[in-house]
PDB file of all heavy atoms in Angstrom:
ATOM      1  N   ARG A   1       0.903  -1.243  -0.033  1.00  0.00           N
ATOM      2  CA  ARG A   1      -0.008  -0.026   0.009  1.00  0.00           C
ATOM      3  C   ARG A   1       0.939   1.298  -0.004  1.00  0.00           C
ATOM      4  O   ARG A   1       0.460   2.272  -0.609  1.00  0.00           O
ATOM      5  CB  ARG A   1      -0.927  -0.053   1.170  1.00  0.00           C
ATOM      6  CG  ARG A   1      -1.855   1.261   1.286  1.00  0.00           C
ATOM      7  CD  ARG A   1      -2.683   1.127   2.456  1.00  0.00           C
ATOM      8  NE  ARG A   1      -3.654   0.000   2.380  1.00  0.00           N
ATOM      9  CZ  ARG A   1      -4.439  -0.230   3.412  1.00  0.00           C
ATOM     10  NH1 ARG A   1      -4.533   0.373   4.490  1.00  0.00           N
ATOM     11  NH2 ARG A   1      -5.400  -1.317   3.292  1.00  0.00           N
ATOM     12  N   ARG A   2       1.978   1.216   0.832  1.00  0.00           N
ATOM     13  CA  ARG A   2       2.915   2.398   0.766  1.00  0.00           C
ATOM     14  C   ARG A   2       3.471   2.680  -0.485  1.00  0.00           C
ATOM     15  O   ARG A   2       3.479   3.828  -0.914  1.00  0.00           O
ATOM     16  CB  ARG A   2       3.948   2.229   1.771  1.00  0.00           C
ATOM     17  CG  ARG A   2       4.939   3.316   2.065  1.00  0.00           C
ATOM     18  CD  ARG A   2       5.998   3.067   2.981  1.00  0.00           C
ATOM     19  NE  ARG A   2       5.473   2.648   4.303  1.00  0.00           N
ATOM     20  CZ  ARG A   2       6.177   2.029   5.277  1.00  0.00           C
ATOM     21  NH1 ARG A   2       7.451   1.693   5.067  1.00  0.00           N
ATOM     22  NH2 ARG A   2       5.650   1.840   6.367  1.00  0.00           N
ATOM     23  N   TRP A   3       4.042   1.655  -1.253  1.00  0.00           N
ATOM     24  CA  TRP A   3       4.557   1.932  -2.503  1.00  0.00           C
ATOM     25  C   TRP A   3       3.409   2.439  -3.560  1.00  0.00           C
ATOM     26  O   TRP A   3       3.762   3.170  -4.467  1.00  0.00           O
ATOM     27  CB  TRP A   3       5.169   0.482  -3.061  1.00  0.00           C
ATOM     28  CG  TRP A   3       6.502   0.291  -2.401  1.00  0.00           C
ATOM     29  CD1 TRP A   3       6.829  -0.729  -1.478  1.00  0.00           C
ATOM     30  CD2 TRP A   3       7.697   1.066  -2.668  1.00  0.00           C
ATOM     31  NE1 TRP A   3       8.105  -0.695  -1.163  1.00  0.00           N
ATOM     32  CE2 TRP A   3       8.696   0.459  -1.845  1.00  0.00           C
ATOM     33  CE3 TRP A   3       7.949   2.137  -3.438  1.00  0.00           C
ATOM     34  CZ2 TRP A   3       9.992   1.031  -1.801  1.00  0.00           C
ATOM     35  CZ3 TRP A   3       9.249   2.687  -3.316  1.00  0.00           C
ATOM     36  CH2 TRP A   3      10.302   2.184  -2.538  1.00  0.00           C
ATOM     37  N   TRP A   4       2.258   1.755  -3.315  1.00  0.00           N
ATOM     38  CA  TRP A   4       1.190   2.353  -4.328  1.00  0.00           C
ATOM     39  C   TRP A   4       0.933   3.825  -4.041  1.00  0.00           C
ATOM     40  O   TRP A   4       0.703   4.627  -5.056  1.00  0.00           O
ATOM     41  CB  TRP A   4      -0.154   1.582  -4.067  1.00  0.00           C
ATOM     42  CG  TRP A   4      -1.162   1.929  -4.775  1.00  0.00           C
ATOM     43  CD1 TRP A   4      -1.461   1.428  -5.974  1.00  0.00           C
ATOM     44  CD2 TRP A   4      -2.293   2.883  -4.519  1.00  0.00           C
ATOM     45  NE1 TRP A   4      -2.658   1.956  -6.636  1.00  0.00           N
ATOM     46  CE2 TRP A   4      -3.115   2.905  -5.588  1.00  0.00           C
ATOM     47  CE3 TRP A   4      -2.508   3.617  -3.424  1.00  0.00           C
ATOM     48  CZ2 TRP A   4      -4.266   3.684  -5.584  1.00  0.00           C
ATOM     49  CZ3 TRP A   4      -3.739   4.351  -3.392  1.00  0.00           C
ATOM     50  CH2 TRP A   4      -4.491   4.431  -4.536  1.00  0.00           C
ATOM     51  N   LEU A   5       0.902   4.259  -2.778  1.00  0.00           N
ATOM     52  CA  LEU A   5       0.677   5.696  -2.458  1.00  0.00           C
ATOM     53  C   LEU A   5       1.844   6.571  -3.075  1.00  0.00           C
ATOM     54  O   LEU A   5       1.525   7.636  -3.583  1.00  0.00           O
ATOM     55  CB  LEU A   5       0.502   5.880  -1.010  1.00  0.00           C
ATOM     56  CG  LEU A   5      -0.756   5.397  -0.373  1.00  0.00           C
ATOM     57  CD1 LEU A   5      -0.684   5.436   1.162  1.00  0.00           C
ATOM     58  CD2 LEU A   5      -2.019   6.184  -0.881  1.00  0.00           C
ATOM     59  N   ILE A   6       3.002   6.068  -2.900  1.00  0.00           N
ATOM     60  CA  ILE A   6       4.219   6.865  -3.401  1.00  0.00           C
ATOM     61  C   ILE A   6       4.103   6.968  -4.914  1.00  0.00           C
ATOM     62  O   ILE A   6       4.295   8.011  -5.508  1.00  0.00           O
ATOM     63  CB  ILE A   6       5.460   6.063  -3.006  1.00  0.00           C
ATOM     64  CG1 ILE A   6       5.713   6.216  -1.510  1.00  0.00           C
ATOM     65  CG2 ILE A   6       6.678   6.785  -3.789  1.00  0.00           C
ATOM     66  CD1 ILE A   6       6.846   5.482  -1.014  1.00  0.00           C
ATOM     67  N   ALA A   7       3.812   5.899  -5.675  1.00  0.00           N
ATOM     68  CA  ALA A   7       3.730   5.880  -7.232  1.00  0.00           C
ATOM     69  C   ALA A   7       2.590   6.831  -7.570  1.00  0.00           C
ATOM     70  O   ALA A   7       2.777   7.721  -8.506  1.00  0.00           O
ATOM     71  CB  ALA A   7       3.326   4.552  -7.716  1.00  0.00           C
ATOM     72  N   LEU A   8       1.409   6.791  -6.820  1.00  0.00           N
ATOM     73  CA  LEU A   8       0.278   7.764  -7.211  1.00  0.00           C
ATOM     74  C   LEU A   8       0.770   9.327  -6.977  1.00  0.00           C
ATOM     75  O   LEU A   8       0.437  10.133  -7.771  1.00  0.00           O
ATOM     76  CB  LEU A   8      -0.837   7.489  -6.301  1.00  0.00           C
ATOM     77  CG  LEU A   8      -2.142   8.408  -6.395  1.00  0.00           C
ATOM     78  CD1 LEU A   8      -2.704   8.210  -7.953  1.00  0.00           C
ATOM     79  CD2 LEU A   8      -3.198   8.018  -5.472  1.00  0.00           C
ATOM     80  N   LEU A   9       1.506   9.455  -5.900  1.00  0.00           N
ATOM     81  CA  LEU A   9       1.949  10.891  -5.693  1.00  0.00           C
ATOM     82  C   LEU A   9       2.905  11.382  -6.837  1.00  0.00           C
ATOM     83  O   LEU A   9       2.810  12.501  -7.186  1.00  0.00           O
ATOM     84  CB  LEU A   9       2.599  11.060  -4.330  1.00  0.00           C
ATOM     85  CG  LEU A   9       1.591  10.908  -3.070  1.00  0.00           C
ATOM     86  CD1 LEU A   9       2.397  10.854  -1.779  1.00  0.00           C
ATOM     87  CD2 LEU A   9       0.705  12.067  -3.093  1.00  0.00           C
ATOM     88  N   LEU A  10       3.657  10.469  -7.219  1.00  0.00           N
ATOM     89  CA  LEU A  10       4.708  10.754  -8.307  1.00  0.00           C
ATOM     90  C   LEU A  10       4.001  11.196  -9.510  1.00  0.00           C
ATOM     91  O   LEU A  10       4.431  12.099 -10.290  1.00  0.00           O
ATOM     92  CB  LEU A  10       5.632   9.552  -8.667  1.00  0.00           C
ATOM     93  CG  LEU A  10       6.808   9.311  -7.471  1.00  0.00           C
ATOM     94  CD1 LEU A  10       7.573   8.138  -7.639  1.00  0.00           C
ATOM     95  CD2 LEU A  10       7.740  10.475  -7.505  1.00  0.00           C
ATOM     96  N   VAL A  11       2.922  10.301  -9.913  1.00  0.00           N
ATOM     97  CA  VAL A  11       2.138  10.685 -11.110  1.00  0.00           C
ATOM     98  C   VAL A  11       1.525  12.008 -11.037  1.00  0.00           C
ATOM     99  O   VAL A  11       1.505  12.699 -12.078  1.00  0.00           O
ATOM    100  CB  VAL A  11       1.064   9.477 -11.310  1.00  0.00           C
ATOM    101  CG1 VAL A  11       0.149   9.868 -12.467  1.00  0.00           C
ATOM    102  CG2 VAL A  11       1.748   8.158 -11.615  1.00  0.00           C
ATOM    103  N   VAL A  12       0.869  12.418  -9.849  1.00  0.00           N
ATOM    104  CA  VAL A  12       0.232  13.533  -9.667  1.00  0.00           C
ATOM    105  C   VAL A  12       1.287  14.657  -9.864  1.00  0.00           C
ATOM    106  O   VAL A  12       0.950  15.722 -10.486  1.00  0.00           O
ATOM    107  CB  VAL A  12      -0.487  13.661  -8.371  1.00  0.00           C
ATOM    108  CG1 VAL A  12      -0.958  15.017  -8.028  1.00  0.00           C
ATOM    109  CG2 VAL A  12      -1.634  12.660  -8.289  1.00  0.00           C
ATOM    110  N   ALA A  13       2.469  14.568  -9.358  1.00  0.00           N
ATOM    111  CA  ALA A  13       3.504  15.621  -9.376  1.00  0.00           C
ATOM    112  C   ALA A  13       3.919  15.752 -10.852  1.00  0.00           C
ATOM    113  O   ALA A  13       4.147  16.893 -11.125  1.00  0.00           O
ATOM    114  CB  ALA A  13       4.714  15.142  -8.415  1.00  0.00           C
ATOM    115  N   LEU A  14       4.086  14.681 -11.476  1.00  0.00           N
ATOM    116  CA  LEU A  14       4.533  14.843 -12.941  1.00  0.00           C
ATOM    117  C   LEU A  14       3.496  15.549 -13.823  1.00  0.00           C
ATOM    118  O   LEU A  14       3.805  16.459 -14.717  1.00  0.00           O
ATOM    119  CB  LEU A  14       4.871  13.497 -13.532  1.00  0.00           C
ATOM    120  CG  LEU A  14       6.116  12.749 -12.935  1.00  0.00           C
ATOM    121  CD1 LEU A  14       6.182  11.300 -13.477  1.00  0.00           C
ATOM    122  CD2 LEU A  14       7.337  13.613 -13.483  1.00  0.00           C
ATOM    123  N   VAL A  15       2.257  15.261 -13.584  1.00  0.00           N
ATOM    124  CA  VAL A  15       1.082  15.848 -14.335  1.00  0.00           C
ATOM    125  C   VAL A  15       1.071  17.251 -13.975  1.00  0.00           C
ATOM    126  O   VAL A  15       0.951  18.184 -14.886  1.00  0.00           O
ATOM    127  CB  VAL A  15      -0.201  15.143 -14.096  1.00  0.00           C
ATOM    128  CG1 VAL A  15      -1.361  16.058 -14.647  1.00  0.00           C
ATOM    129  CG2 VAL A  15      -0.140  13.738 -14.719  1.00  0.00           C
ATOM    130  N   GLY A  16       1.212  17.590 -12.740  1.00  0.00           N
ATOM    131  CA  GLY A  16       1.213  18.946 -12.310  1.00  0.00           C
ATOM    132  C   GLY A  16       2.321  19.852 -12.887  1.00  0.00           C
ATOM    133  O   GLY A  16       2.120  21.051 -13.323  1.00  0.00           O
ATOM    134  N   ALA A  17       3.448  19.223 -12.992  1.00  0.00           N
ATOM    135  CA  ALA A  17       4.647  19.879 -13.539  1.00  0.00           C
ATOM    136  C   ALA A  17       4.438  20.185 -14.958  1.00  0.00           C
ATOM    137  O   ALA A  17       4.862  21.236 -15.552  1.00  0.00           O
ATOM    138  CB  ALA A  17       5.925  19.057 -13.295  1.00  0.00           C
ATOM    139  N   ALA A  18       3.914  19.212 -15.802  1.00  0.00           N
ATOM    140  CA  ALA A  18       3.602  19.315 -17.140  1.00  0.00           C
ATOM    141  C   ALA A  18       2.655  20.503 -17.365  1.00  0.00           C
ATOM    142  O   ALA A  18       2.879  21.297 -18.282  1.00  0.00           O
ATOM    143  CB  ALA A  18       3.115  18.035 -17.811  1.00  0.00           C
ATOM    144  N   CYS A  19       1.548  20.504 -16.561  1.00  0.00           N
ATOM    145  CA  CYS A  19       0.606  21.661 -16.712  1.00  0.00           C
ATOM    146  C   CYS A  19       1.251  22.955 -16.432  1.00  0.00           C
ATOM    147  O   CYS A  19       0.967  23.996 -17.106  1.00  0.00           O
ATOM    148  CB  CYS A  19      -0.561  21.317 -15.792  1.00  0.00           C
ATOM    149  SG  CYS A  19      -1.641  19.949 -16.180  1.00  0.00           S
ATOM    150  N   GLY A  20       2.033  22.943 -15.373  1.00  0.00           N
ATOM    151  CA  GLY A  20       2.768  24.230 -15.019  1.00  0.00           C
ATOM    152  C   GLY A  20       3.609  24.686 -16.063  1.00  0.00           C
ATOM    153  O   GLY A  20       3.651  25.900 -16.420  1.00  0.00           O
ATOM    154  N   ASP A  21       4.331  23.785 -16.837  1.00  0.00           N
ATOM    155  CA  ASP A  21       5.085  24.102 -18.071  1.00  0.00           C
ATOM    156  C   ASP A  21       4.326  24.760 -19.125  1.00  0.00           C
ATOM    157  O   ASP A  21       4.778  25.799 -19.761  1.00  0.00           O
ATOM    158  CB  ASP A  21       5.924  22.946 -18.656  1.00  0.00           C
ATOM    159  CG  ASP A  21       6.949  22.484 -17.663  1.00  0.00           C
ATOM    160  OD1 ASP A  21       7.380  23.303 -16.717  1.00  0.00           O
ATOM    161  OD2 ASP A  21       7.533  21.363 -17.668  1.00  0.00           O
ATOM    162  N   ASP A  22       3.074  24.168 -19.269  1.00  0.00           N
ATOM    163  CA  ASP A  22       2.210  24.696 -20.430  1.00  0.00           C
ATOM    164  C   ASP A  22       1.794  26.188 -19.943  1.00  0.00           C
ATOM    165  O   ASP A  22       1.763  27.086 -20.798  1.00  0.00           O
ATOM    166  CB  ASP A  22       0.964  23.905 -20.534  1.00  0.00           C
ATOM    167  CG  ASP A  22       1.284  22.592 -21.104  1.00  0.00           C
ATOM    168  OD1 ASP A  22       2.401  22.450 -21.754  1.00  0.00           O
ATOM    169  OD2 ASP A  22       0.488  21.534 -20.939  1.00  0.00           O
ATOM    170  N   ASP A  23       1.448  26.315 -18.696  1.00  0.00           N
ATOM    171  CA  ASP A  23       1.064  27.682 -18.288  1.00  0.00           C
ATOM    172  C   ASP A  23       2.203  28.736 -18.476  1.00  0.00           C
ATOM    173  O   ASP A  23       1.908  29.786 -18.849  1.00  0.00           O
ATOM    174  CB  ASP A  23       0.511  27.649 -16.807  1.00  0.00           C
ATOM    175  CG  ASP A  23      -0.667  26.921 -16.585  1.00  0.00           C
ATOM    176  OD1 ASP A  23      -1.411  26.592 -17.617  1.00  0.00           O
ATOM    177  OD2 ASP A  23      -0.888  26.394 -15.428  1.00  0.00           O
ATOM    178  N   ASP A  24       3.467  28.273 -18.195  1.00  0.00           N
ATOM    179  CA  ASP A  24       4.480  29.232 -18.295  1.00  0.00           C
ATOM    180  C   ASP A  24       4.737  29.570 -19.794  1.00  0.00           C
ATOM    181  O   ASP A  24       5.105  30.593 -20.060  1.00  0.00           O
ATOM    182  CB  ASP A  24       5.789  28.522 -17.720  1.00  0.00           C
ATOM    183  CG  ASP A  24       5.816  28.367 -16.307  1.00  0.00           C
ATOM    184  OD1 ASP A  24       4.944  29.108 -15.566  1.00  0.00           O
ATOM    185  OD2 ASP A  24       6.609  27.624 -15.583  1.00  0.00           O
ATOM    186  N   ASP A  25       4.515  28.418 -20.651  1.00  0.00           N
ATOM    187  CA  ASP A  25       4.763  28.681 -22.087  1.00  0.00           C
ATOM    188  C   ASP A  25       3.729  29.744 -22.512  1.00  0.00           C
ATOM    189  O   ASP A  25       3.867  30.640 -23.325  1.00  0.00           O
ATOM    190  CB  ASP A  25       4.632  27.399 -22.924  1.00  0.00           C
ATOM    191  CG  ASP A  25       5.827  26.556 -22.760  1.00  0.00           C
ATOM    192  OD1 ASP A  25       6.819  27.053 -22.211  1.00  0.00           O
ATOM    193  OD2 ASP A  25       5.809  25.238 -23.081  1.00  0.00           O
ATOM    194  N   ASP A  26       2.435  29.531 -22.051  1.00  0.00           N
ATOM    195  CA  ASP A  26       1.360  30.510 -22.533  1.00  0.00           C
ATOM    196  C   ASP A  26       1.630  31.942 -22.044  1.00  0.00           C
ATOM    197  O   ASP A  26       1.439  32.853 -22.712  1.00  0.00           O
ATOM    198  CB  ASP A  26      -0.037  29.935 -21.953  1.00  0.00           C
ATOM    199  CG  ASP A  26      -0.496  28.795 -22.594  1.00  0.00           C
ATOM    200  OD1 ASP A  26       0.052  28.366 -23.767  1.00  0.00           O
ATOM    201  OD2 ASP A  26      -1.377  28.009 -21.983  1.00  0.00           O
ATOM    202  N   ALA A  27       2.115  32.011 -20.833  1.00  0.00           N
ATOM    203  CA  ALA A  27       2.371  33.367 -20.194  1.00  0.00           C
ATOM    204  C   ALA A  27       3.393  33.994 -20.941  1.00  0.00           C
ATOM    205  O   ALA A  27       3.527  35.267 -21.182  1.00  0.00           O
ATOM    206  CB  ALA A  27       2.734  33.263 -18.857  1.00  0.00           C
ATOM    207  N   ALA A  28       4.469  33.203 -21.452  1.00  0.00           N
ATOM    208  CA  ALA A  28       5.528  33.798 -22.231  1.00  0.00           C
ATOM    209  C   ALA A  28       5.286  33.999 -23.590  1.00  0.00           C
ATOM    210  O   ALA A  28       6.032  34.650 -24.412  1.00  0.00           O
ATOM    211  CB  ALA A  28       6.723  32.848 -22.016  1.00  0.00           C
ATOM    212  N   GLY A  29       4.080  33.634 -24.085  1.00  0.00           N
ATOM    213  CA  GLY A  29       3.693  33.792 -25.538  1.00  0.00           C
ATOM    214  C   GLY A  29       4.328  32.814 -26.480  1.00  0.00           C
ATOM    215  O   GLY A  29       3.953  32.749 -27.634  1.00  0.00           O
ATOM    216  N   GLN A  30       5.155  31.826 -25.935  1.00  0.00           N
ATOM    217  CA  GLN A  30       5.684  30.693 -26.703  1.00  0.00           C
ATOM    218  C   GLN A  30       6.499  31.022 -27.881  1.00  0.00           C
ATOM    219  O   GLN A  30       7.194  30.236 -28.376  1.00  0.00           O
ATOM    220  CB  GLN A  30       4.581  29.788 -27.174  1.00  0.00           C
ATOM    221  CG  GLN A  30       3.779  29.167 -25.946  1.00  0.00           C
ATOM    222  CD  GLN A  30       2.696  28.122 -26.455  1.00  0.00           C
ATOM    223  OE1 GLN A  30       2.952  27.511 -27.550  1.00  0.00           O
ATOM    224  NE2 GLN A  30       1.741  27.917 -25.671  1.00  0.00           N
ATOM    225  N   ASP A  31       6.631  32.382 -28.368  1.00  0.00           N
ATOM    226  CA  ASP A  31       7.485  32.701 -29.414  1.00  0.00           C
ATOM    227  C   ASP A  31       7.350  31.901 -30.589  1.00  0.00           C
ATOM    228  O   ASP A  31       8.243  31.521 -31.310  1.00  0.00           O
ATOM    229  CB  ASP A  31       8.937  32.736 -28.944  1.00  0.00           C
ATOM    230  CG  ASP A  31       9.195  33.946 -28.093  1.00  0.00           C
ATOM    231  OD1 ASP A  31       8.595  34.886 -28.260  1.00  0.00           O
ATOM    232  OD2 ASP A  31      10.272  33.859 -27.440  1.00  0.00           O
ATOM    233  N   ASP A  32       6.069  31.288 -30.919  1.00  0.00           N
ATOM    234  CA  ASP A  32       5.835  30.455 -32.070  1.00  0.00           C
ATOM    235  C   ASP A  32       5.247  31.189 -33.137  1.00  0.00           C
ATOM    236  O   ASP A  32       4.798  30.553 -34.202  1.00  0.00           O
ATOM    237  CB  ASP A  32       5.109  29.213 -31.635  1.00  0.00           C
ATOM    238  CG  ASP A  32       3.682  29.526 -31.042  1.00  0.00           C
ATOM    239  OD1 ASP A  32       3.450  30.732 -30.933  1.00  0.00           O
ATOM    240  OD2 ASP A  32       3.041  28.535 -30.741  1.00  0.00           O
ATOM    241  N   GLY A  33       4.912  32.453 -33.004  1.00  0.00           N
ATOM    242  CA  GLY A  33       4.312  33.278 -34.109  1.00  0.00           C
ATOM    243  C   GLY A  33       2.883  33.204 -34.103  1.00  0.00           C
ATOM    244  O   GLY A  33       2.211  33.792 -35.023  1.00  0.00           O
ATOM    245  N   THR A  34       2.421  32.448 -33.167  1.00  0.00           N
ATOM    246  CA  THR A  34       0.844  32.274 -33.198  1.00  0.00           C
ATOM    247  C   THR A  34       0.056  33.443 -32.292  1.00  0.00           C
ATOM    248  O   THR A  34      -1.041  33.518 -32.471  1.00  0.00           O
ATOM    249  CB  THR A  34       0.476  30.971 -32.610  1.00  0.00           C
ATOM    250  OG1 THR A  34       0.838  30.832 -31.180  1.00  0.00           O
ATOM    251  CG2 THR A  34       1.124  29.787 -33.285  1.00  0.00           C
ATOM    252  N   GLU A  35       0.806  34.136 -31.567  1.00  0.00           N
ATOM    253  CA  GLU A  35       0.245  35.164 -30.791  1.00  0.00           C
ATOM    254  C   GLU A  35       0.939  36.577 -31.014  1.00  0.00           C
ATOM    255  O   GLU A  35       2.177  36.455 -31.166  1.00  0.00           O
ATOM    256  CB  GLU A  35       0.264  34.834 -29.314  1.00  0.00           C
ATOM    257  CG  GLU A  35      -0.573  33.699 -28.952  1.00  0.00           C
ATOM    258  CD  GLU A  35      -0.564  33.348 -27.428  1.00  0.00           C
ATOM    259  OE1 GLU A  35      -0.078  34.244 -26.680  1.00  0.00           O
ATOM    260  OE2 GLU A  35      -1.060  32.305 -26.973  1.00  0.00           O
TER     261      GLU A  35
END
């Protein structure tokens, strides 16, 4: 059960980090010519 909880927390952390990167990219305008 402990290892299952640790794995779940790691997945949540990775998803959160990815969303945070997207937000940062949006805030920076992404420099891709679309905005």
